[in-house]
Amino acid sequence: MDDHAGFRSFARALLEAEGLDVLGEASDGASAVSAAERLDPQIVLLDIMLPDLDGFEVCARLTARGRERPAVVLTSSRDATAYADRLERSAARGFVRKDRLSGAALLALAR
């Protein structure tokens, strides 16, 4: 879930090339919540900076019911230190910078 179509295309191609099934995409927070509820993915890769709801709010909504699914992994072009306090308080399983995204990194954080 990312507001930049170019990154969504890149992430989809990368993750599919590494054997992961990408079920859907969203360009804003409200669409991300709706898509995750409809598609019931195991993992959601979620940009922190979305135009309507930020990734932390989307993460809170997706994990509010205490379910184990989806595992939310947050991403940004900025380093995790920029979000350290909020990352620590969030229900996200982890964080991966956009330039370090890989299927292995995503799966390792989602476990």
N, C-alpha and C. Protein backbone atom coordinates (compact mmCIF):
# COMPACT_ATOMS: atom_id res chain seq x y z
N MET A 1 0.84 -1.15 0.00
CA MET A 1 0.00 0.00 0.00
C MET A 1 0.90 1.23 0.00
N ASP A 2 0.85 1.97 -1.07
CA ASP A 2 1.73 3.12 -1.23
C ASP A 2 1.06 4.10 -2.18
N ASP A 3 1.26 5.38 -1.95
CA ASP A 3 0.63 6.39 -2.80
C ASP A 3 1.38 6.62 -4.11
N HIS A 4 2.56 6.06 -4.27
CA HIS A 4 3.32 6.22 -5.50
C HIS A 4 3.18 4.97 -6.37
N ALA A 5 2.53 5.13 -7.52
CA ALA A 5 2.30 4.00 -8.42
C ALA A 5 3.60 3.33 -8.84
N GLY A 6 4.65 4.11 -9.04
CA GLY A 6 5.94 3.55 -9.44
C GLY A 6 6.51 2.61 -8.40
N PHE A 7 6.40 2.98 -7.13
CA PHE A 7 6.90 2.09 -6.08
C PHE A 7 6.02 0.84 -5.98
N ARG A 8 4.71 1.00 -6.11
CA ARG A 8 3.83 -0.17 -6.05
C ARG A 8 4.18 -1.15 -7.16
N SER A 9 4.44 -0.65 -8.37
CA SER A 9 4.81 -1.52 -9.49
C SER A 9 6.14 -2.22 -9.22
N PHE A 10 7.11 -1.44 -8.72
CA PHE A 10 8.41 -2.01 -8.40
C PHE A 10 8.28 -3.09 -7.33
N ALA A 11 7.57 -2.78 -6.24
CA ALA A 11 7.43 -3.74 -5.14
C ALA A 11 6.71 -5.00 -5.60
N ARG A 12 5.66 -4.85 -6.39
CA ARG A 12 4.93 -6.01 -6.90
C ARG A 12 5.87 -6.90 -7.73
N ALA A 13 6.58 -6.30 -8.66
CA ALA A 13 7.48 -7.07 -9.53
C ALA A 13 8.57 -7.77 -8.71
N LEU A 14 9.16 -7.06 -7.77
CA LEU A 14 10.21 -7.63 -6.94
C LEU A 14 9.69 -8.80 -6.11
N LEU A 15 8.58 -8.59 -5.43
CA LEU A 15 8.05 -9.63 -4.54
C LEU A 15 7.55 -10.83 -5.32
N GLU A 16 6.91 -10.60 -6.45
CA GLU A 16 6.46 -11.73 -7.27
C GLU A 16 7.64 -12.50 -7.84
N ALA A 17 8.71 -11.80 -8.23
CA ALA A 17 9.91 -12.46 -8.74
C ALA A 17 10.55 -13.33 -7.67
N GLU A 18 10.33 -12.98 -6.41
CA GLU A 18 10.88 -13.75 -5.29
C GLU A 18 9.89 -14.78 -4.77
N GLY A 19 8.80 -15.00 -5.50
CA GLY A 19 7.88 -16.09 -5.18
C GLY A 19 6.71 -15.73 -4.29
N LEU A 20 6.52 -14.48 -3.96
CA LEU A 20 5.39 -14.10 -3.14
C LEU A 20 4.19 -13.75 -4.03
N ASP A 21 3.00 -14.04 -3.55
CA ASP A 21 1.78 -13.67 -4.26
C ASP A 21 1.32 -12.32 -3.75
N VAL A 22 1.18 -11.36 -4.65
CA VAL A 22 0.69 -10.03 -4.30
C VAL A 22 -0.80 -10.00 -4.63
N LEU A 23 -1.63 -9.85 -3.59
CA LEU A 23 -3.08 -9.93 -3.78
C LEU A 23 -3.72 -8.62 -4.21
N GLY A 24 -3.11 -7.50 -3.83
CA GLY A 24 -3.72 -6.24 -4.17
C GLY A 24 -2.82 -5.07 -3.87
N GLU A 25 -3.31 -3.90 -4.22
CA GLU A 25 -2.59 -2.65 -4.00
C GLU A 25 -3.59 -1.59 -3.59
N ALA A 26 -3.10 -0.56 -2.93
CA ALA A 26 -3.93 0.60 -2.58
C ALA A 26 -3.05 1.83 -2.58
N SER A 27 -3.66 2.98 -2.88
CA SER A 27 -2.89 4.23 -2.97
C SER A 27 -3.15 5.18 -1.81
N ASP A 28 -4.04 4.80 -0.90
CA ASP A 28 -4.30 5.65 0.26
C ASP A 28 -4.73 4.76 1.44
N GLY A 29 -4.79 5.36 2.60
CA GLY A 29 -5.07 4.59 3.81
C GLY A 29 -6.44 3.94 3.84
N ALA A 30 -7.48 4.68 3.46
CA ALA A 30 -8.84 4.13 3.47
C ALA A 30 -8.95 2.94 2.52
N SER A 31 -8.36 3.06 1.35
CA SER A 31 -8.37 1.95 0.39
C SER A 31 -7.56 0.78 0.90
N ALA A 32 -6.49 1.05 1.63
CA ALA A 32 -5.67 -0.02 2.20
C ALA A 32 -6.46 -0.82 3.23
N VAL A 33 -7.18 -0.13 4.09
CA VAL A 33 -8.00 -0.82 5.09
C VAL A 33 -9.05 -1.67 4.38
N SER A 34 -9.74 -1.10 3.42
CA SER A 34 -10.78 -1.81 2.68
C SER A 34 -10.22 -3.04 1.96
N ALA A 35 -9.10 -2.85 1.27
CA ALA A 35 -8.49 -3.96 0.52
C ALA A 35 -8.04 -5.08 1.45
N ALA A 36 -7.43 -4.72 2.57
CA ALA A 36 -6.97 -5.74 3.51
C ALA A 36 -8.13 -6.52 4.11
N GLU A 37 -9.22 -5.82 4.42
CA GLU A 37 -10.39 -6.52 4.96
C GLU A 37 -11.01 -7.44 3.92
N ARG A 38 -11.04 -7.02 2.68
CA ARG A 38 -11.64 -7.80 1.60
C ARG A 38 -10.76 -8.98 1.18
N LEU A 39 -9.46 -8.76 1.08
CA LEU A 39 -8.55 -9.78 0.54
C LEU A 39 -7.96 -10.70 1.60
N ASP A 40 -7.98 -10.30 2.87
CA ASP A 40 -7.45 -11.09 3.99
C ASP A 40 -6.02 -11.60 3.75
N PRO A 41 -5.08 -10.69 3.47
CA PRO A 41 -3.69 -11.12 3.21
C PRO A 41 -2.99 -11.57 4.49
N GLN A 42 -1.95 -12.35 4.32
CA GLN A 42 -1.12 -12.74 5.46
C GLN A 42 -0.23 -11.58 5.89
N ILE A 43 0.26 -10.81 4.92
CA ILE A 43 1.19 -9.71 5.19
C ILE A 43 0.70 -8.47 4.44
N VAL A 44 0.83 -7.32 5.09
CA VAL A 44 0.55 -6.05 4.42
C VAL A 44 1.83 -5.21 4.51
N LEU A 45 2.34 -4.82 3.36
CA LEU A 45 3.46 -3.88 3.27
C LEU A 45 2.84 -2.50 3.15
N LEU A 46 3.12 -1.64 4.12
CA LEU A 46 2.36 -0.41 4.27
C LEU A 46 3.28 0.80 4.39
N ASP A 47 3.15 1.72 3.45
CA ASP A 47 3.91 2.97 3.49
C ASP A 47 3.45 3.80 4.68
N ILE A 48 4.37 4.43 5.36
CA ILE A 48 4.02 5.28 6.50
C ILE A 48 3.34 6.56 6.03
N MET A 49 3.80 7.14 4.94
CA MET A 49 3.28 8.42 4.48
C MET A 49 2.23 8.23 3.38
N LEU A 50 0.98 8.13 3.78
CA LEU A 50 -0.13 8.03 2.84
C LEU A 50 -0.93 9.33 2.88
N PRO A 51 -1.67 9.64 1.82
CA PRO A 51 -2.30 10.96 1.75
C PRO A 51 -3.44 11.21 2.73
N ASP A 52 -4.15 10.20 3.17
CA ASP A 52 -5.29 10.46 4.05
C ASP A 52 -5.05 9.97 5.48
N LEU A 53 -4.79 8.72 5.65
CA LEU A 53 -4.45 8.14 6.95
C LEU A 53 -2.99 7.72 6.88
N ASP A 54 -2.21 8.01 7.90
CA ASP A 54 -0.82 7.54 7.81
C ASP A 54 -0.76 6.05 8.10
N GLY A 55 0.38 5.46 7.78
CA GLY A 55 0.54 4.02 7.94
C GLY A 55 0.34 3.53 9.36
N PHE A 56 0.66 4.35 10.34
CA PHE A 56 0.45 3.96 11.73
C PHE A 56 -1.04 3.82 12.04
N GLU A 57 -1.85 4.73 11.53
CA GLU A 57 -3.30 4.66 11.74
C GLU A 57 -3.89 3.46 11.01
N VAL A 58 -3.45 3.22 9.79
CA VAL A 58 -3.93 2.05 9.05
C VAL A 58 -3.54 0.78 9.79
N CYS A 59 -2.32 0.70 10.26
CA CYS A 59 -1.86 -0.46 11.02
C CYS A 59 -2.74 -0.67 12.25
N ALA A 60 -3.04 0.40 12.98
CA ALA A 60 -3.88 0.29 14.17
C ALA A 60 -5.26 -0.25 13.81
N ARG A 61 -5.82 0.21 12.71
CA ARG A 61 -7.14 -0.27 12.29
C ARG A 61 -7.11 -1.74 11.88
N LEU A 62 -6.04 -2.15 11.20
CA LEU A 62 -5.95 -3.54 10.74
C LEU A 62 -5.69 -4.51 11.87
N THR A 63 -5.08 -4.05 12.93
CA THR A 63 -4.73 -4.94 14.05
C THR A 63 -5.61 -4.71 15.28
N ALA A 64 -6.60 -3.85 15.18
CA ALA A 64 -7.43 -3.46 16.33
C ALA A 64 -8.18 -4.64 16.94
N ARG A 65 -8.54 -5.57 16.16
CA ARG A 65 -9.33 -6.69 16.67
C ARG A 65 -8.47 -7.77 17.31
N GLY A 66 -7.18 -7.51 17.43
CA GLY A 66 -6.29 -8.47 18.07
C GLY A 66 -6.01 -9.70 17.24
N ARG A 67 -6.33 -9.64 15.97
CA ARG A 67 -6.08 -10.79 15.09
C ARG A 67 -4.60 -10.88 14.77
N GLU A 68 -4.16 -12.08 14.47
CA GLU A 68 -2.77 -12.27 14.06
C GLU A 68 -2.56 -11.87 12.61
N ARG A 69 -3.63 -11.80 11.85
CA ARG A 69 -3.56 -11.48 10.44
C ARG A 69 -4.24 -10.17 10.18
N PRO A 70 -3.69 -9.33 9.38
CA PRO A 70 -2.43 -9.48 8.67
C PRO A 70 -1.25 -9.04 9.54
N ALA A 71 -0.09 -9.57 9.20
CA ALA A 71 1.15 -9.05 9.78
C ALA A 71 1.47 -7.78 8.99
N VAL A 72 1.59 -6.67 9.69
CA VAL A 72 1.85 -5.39 9.03
C VAL A 72 3.34 -5.06 9.11
N VAL A 73 3.92 -4.78 7.97
CA VAL A 73 5.31 -4.32 7.89
C VAL A 73 5.27 -2.93 7.29
N LEU A 74 5.79 -1.97 8.03
CA LEU A 74 5.79 -0.59 7.57
C LEU A 74 7.03 -0.30 6.74
N THR A 75 6.90 0.65 5.82
CA THR A 75 8.00 1.02 4.96
C THR A 75 8.02 2.53 4.72
N SER A 76 9.17 3.03 4.38
CA SER A 76 9.35 4.45 4.06
C SER A 76 10.68 4.60 3.36
N SER A 77 10.83 5.71 2.67
CA SER A 77 12.13 6.02 2.09
C SER A 77 13.05 6.61 3.16
N ARG A 78 12.48 7.03 4.27
CA ARG A 78 13.25 7.54 5.40
C ARG A 78 13.70 6.38 6.29
N ASP A 79 14.72 6.61 7.07
CA ASP A 79 15.24 5.60 7.98
C ASP A 79 14.30 5.39 9.16
N ALA A 80 14.34 4.21 9.74
CA ALA A 80 13.48 3.88 10.88
C ALA A 80 13.68 4.82 12.06
N THR A 81 14.86 5.39 12.21
CA THR A 81 15.10 6.29 13.34
C THR A 81 14.19 7.52 13.30
N ALA A 82 13.70 7.89 12.12
CA ALA A 82 12.79 9.02 12.00
C ALA A 82 11.44 8.72 12.64
N TYR A 83 11.14 7.44 12.84
CA TYR A 83 9.85 7.02 13.38
C TYR A 83 9.99 6.16 14.64
N ALA A 84 11.15 6.16 15.26
CA ALA A 84 11.47 5.20 16.31
C ALA A 84 10.39 5.08 17.39
N ASP A 85 9.94 6.19 17.96
CA ASP A 85 8.94 6.12 19.03
C ASP A 85 7.63 5.54 18.53
N ARG A 86 7.19 5.98 17.39
CA ARG A 86 5.91 5.49 16.86
C ARG A 86 6.01 4.03 16.44
N LEU A 87 7.15 3.62 15.90
CA LEU A 87 7.33 2.22 15.53
C LEU A 87 7.26 1.33 16.77
N GLU A 88 7.88 1.77 17.83
CA GLU A 88 7.90 0.99 19.07
C GLU A 88 6.49 0.81 19.64
N ARG A 89 5.66 1.83 19.51
CA ARG A 89 4.30 1.78 20.06
C ARG A 89 3.29 1.10 19.12
N SER A 90 3.66 0.91 17.87
CA SER A 90 2.71 0.36 16.91
C SER A 90 2.63 -1.16 17.00
N ALA A 91 1.59 -1.70 16.39
CA ALA A 91 1.40 -3.15 16.33
C ALA A 91 2.09 -3.75 15.10
N ALA A 92 2.83 -2.93 14.37
CA ALA A 92 3.54 -3.44 13.19
C ALA A 92 4.58 -4.47 13.61
N ARG A 93 4.79 -5.45 12.76
CA ARG A 93 5.80 -6.48 13.03
C ARG A 93 7.21 -5.99 12.78
N GLY A 94 7.32 -4.90 12.01
CA GLY A 94 8.64 -4.39 11.73
C GLY A 94 8.61 -3.28 10.69
N PHE A 95 9.80 -2.90 10.28
CA PHE A 95 9.99 -1.81 9.34
C PHE A 95 11.10 -2.19 8.38
N VAL A 96 10.91 -1.88 7.11
CA VAL A 96 11.96 -2.06 6.11
C VAL A 96 11.99 -0.81 5.23
N ARG A 97 13.19 -0.24 5.07
CA ARG A 97 13.30 0.90 4.16
C ARG A 97 13.00 0.45 2.74
N LYS A 98 12.42 1.35 1.98
CA LYS A 98 12.03 1.01 0.61
C LYS A 98 13.21 0.52 -0.22
N ASP A 99 14.37 1.10 -0.03
CA ASP A 99 15.53 0.68 -0.82
C ASP A 99 16.15 -0.63 -0.35
N ARG A 100 15.60 -1.20 0.72
CA ARG A 100 16.10 -2.48 1.23
C ARG A 100 15.03 -3.57 1.18
N LEU A 101 13.95 -3.28 0.47
CA LEU A 101 12.85 -4.24 0.36
C LEU A 101 13.29 -5.49 -0.39
N SER A 102 12.92 -6.62 0.16
CA SER A 102 13.10 -7.91 -0.50
C SER A 102 12.05 -8.87 0.08
N GLY A 103 11.80 -9.93 -0.62
CA GLY A 103 10.89 -10.93 -0.12
C GLY A 103 11.38 -11.52 1.19
N ALA A 104 12.68 -11.79 1.26
CA ALA A 104 13.26 -12.37 2.47
C ALA A 104 13.12 -11.42 3.66
N ALA A 105 13.37 -10.14 3.44
CA ALA A 105 13.24 -9.16 4.53
C ALA A 105 11.80 -9.08 5.01
N LEU A 106 10.87 -9.07 4.08
CA LEU A 106 9.46 -8.99 4.41
C LEU A 106 9.00 -10.21 5.20
N LEU A 107 9.38 -11.39 4.73
CA LEU A 107 8.99 -12.61 5.42
C LEU A 107 9.62 -12.73 6.80
N ALA A 108 10.87 -12.32 6.92
CA ALA A 108 11.54 -12.38 8.23
C ALA A 108 10.85 -11.50 9.26
N LEU A 109 10.38 -10.33 8.85
CA LEU A 109 9.70 -9.42 9.77
C LEU A 109 8.29 -9.88 10.08
N ALA A 110 7.64 -10.54 9.15
CA ALA A 110 6.25 -10.92 9.31
C ALA A 110 6.05 -12.14 10.19
N ARG A 111 7.10 -12.84 10.50
CA ARG A 111 6.96 -14.08 11.30
C ARG A 111 6.76 -13.78 12.75
